Amino acid sequence: MVLPPQSDQALATRNPLPEPVEVDTYAGKLHIECDSNAKVTPMGQLPFFIQFLKLGGQFDP
């Protein structure tokens, strides 16, 4: 089933993270919260990518 594309306004009004998410990084655990009124930064998804690298063992000896 293919869903119709959503408008930018519809995407901006929904909250993708209704509660804080705990992300495990090399520096320890981070608690990520989503603020729908904040401006988007290029580093916003970085903690999730770092967790991906850690769980995949990319930097393990």
Protein backbone atom coordinates (compact mmCIF):
# COMPACT_ATOMS: atom_id res chain seq x y z
CA MET A 1 0.00 0.00 0.00
CA VAL A 2 1.40 3.38 -1.01
CA LEU A 3 0.49 6.32 1.18
CA PRO A 4 0.08 9.82 -0.29
CA PRO A 5 2.92 12.25 0.47
CA GLN A 6 2.38 14.49 3.47
CA SER A 7 2.75 18.23 3.31
CA ASP A 8 5.65 19.99 5.01
CA GLN A 9 3.17 21.55 7.45
CA ALA A 10 1.83 18.12 8.44
CA LEU A 11 5.36 16.82 8.99
CA ALA A 12 6.33 19.90 11.03
CA THR A 13 3.36 19.66 13.39
CA ARG A 14 3.81 16.05 14.47
CA ASN A 15 6.22 15.21 17.28
CA PRO A 16 8.48 12.32 16.19
CA LEU A 17 9.74 11.73 19.74
CA PRO A 18 6.85 12.10 22.19
CA GLU A 19 9.17 11.30 25.12
CA PRO A 20 12.97 11.45 25.62
CA VAL A 21 15.00 8.67 24.00
CA GLU A 22 18.13 7.24 25.62
CA VAL A 23 21.07 6.84 23.23
CA ASP A 24 24.25 4.96 24.19
CA THR A 25 27.40 6.69 22.89
CA TYR A 26 31.12 6.31 23.55
CA ALA A 27 30.93 9.25 25.97
CA GLY A 28 28.04 7.67 27.89
CA LYS A 29 24.27 7.76 27.67
CA LEU A 30 22.49 10.78 26.21
CA HIS A 31 18.82 11.66 26.60
CA ILE A 32 17.46 13.06 23.33
CA GLU A 33 14.32 15.23 23.27
CA CYS A 34 12.59 16.66 20.23
CA ASP A 35 11.61 20.34 20.21
CA SER A 36 9.27 21.08 17.31
CA ASN A 37 9.92 24.83 17.68
CA ALA A 38 13.71 24.56 17.44
CA LYS A 39 15.62 25.12 14.24
CA VAL A 40 17.09 22.02 12.62
CA THR A 41 20.85 21.59 12.83
CA PRO A 42 23.11 19.33 10.75
CA MET A 43 24.31 17.67 13.99
CA GLY A 44 20.81 16.73 15.16
CA GLN A 45 21.02 13.08 14.05
CA LEU A 46 24.66 12.58 15.06
CA PRO A 47 23.98 10.87 18.44
CA PHE A 48 21.89 8.21 16.66
CA PHE A 49 24.68 7.61 14.13
CA ILE A 50 27.25 7.32 16.95
CA GLN A 51 25.05 4.73 18.66
CA PHE A 52 24.85 2.83 15.35
CA LEU A 53 28.67 2.80 15.10
CA LYS A 54 29.04 1.69 18.72
CA LEU A 55 26.49 -1.11 18.49
CA GLY A 56 28.07 -2.29 15.23
CA GLY A 57 31.51 -2.47 16.88
CA GLN A 58 33.06 -0.19 14.26
CA PHE A 59 35.77 1.09 16.59
CA ASP A 60 36.37 -2.01 18.69
CA PRO A 61 39.99 -3.23 18.64
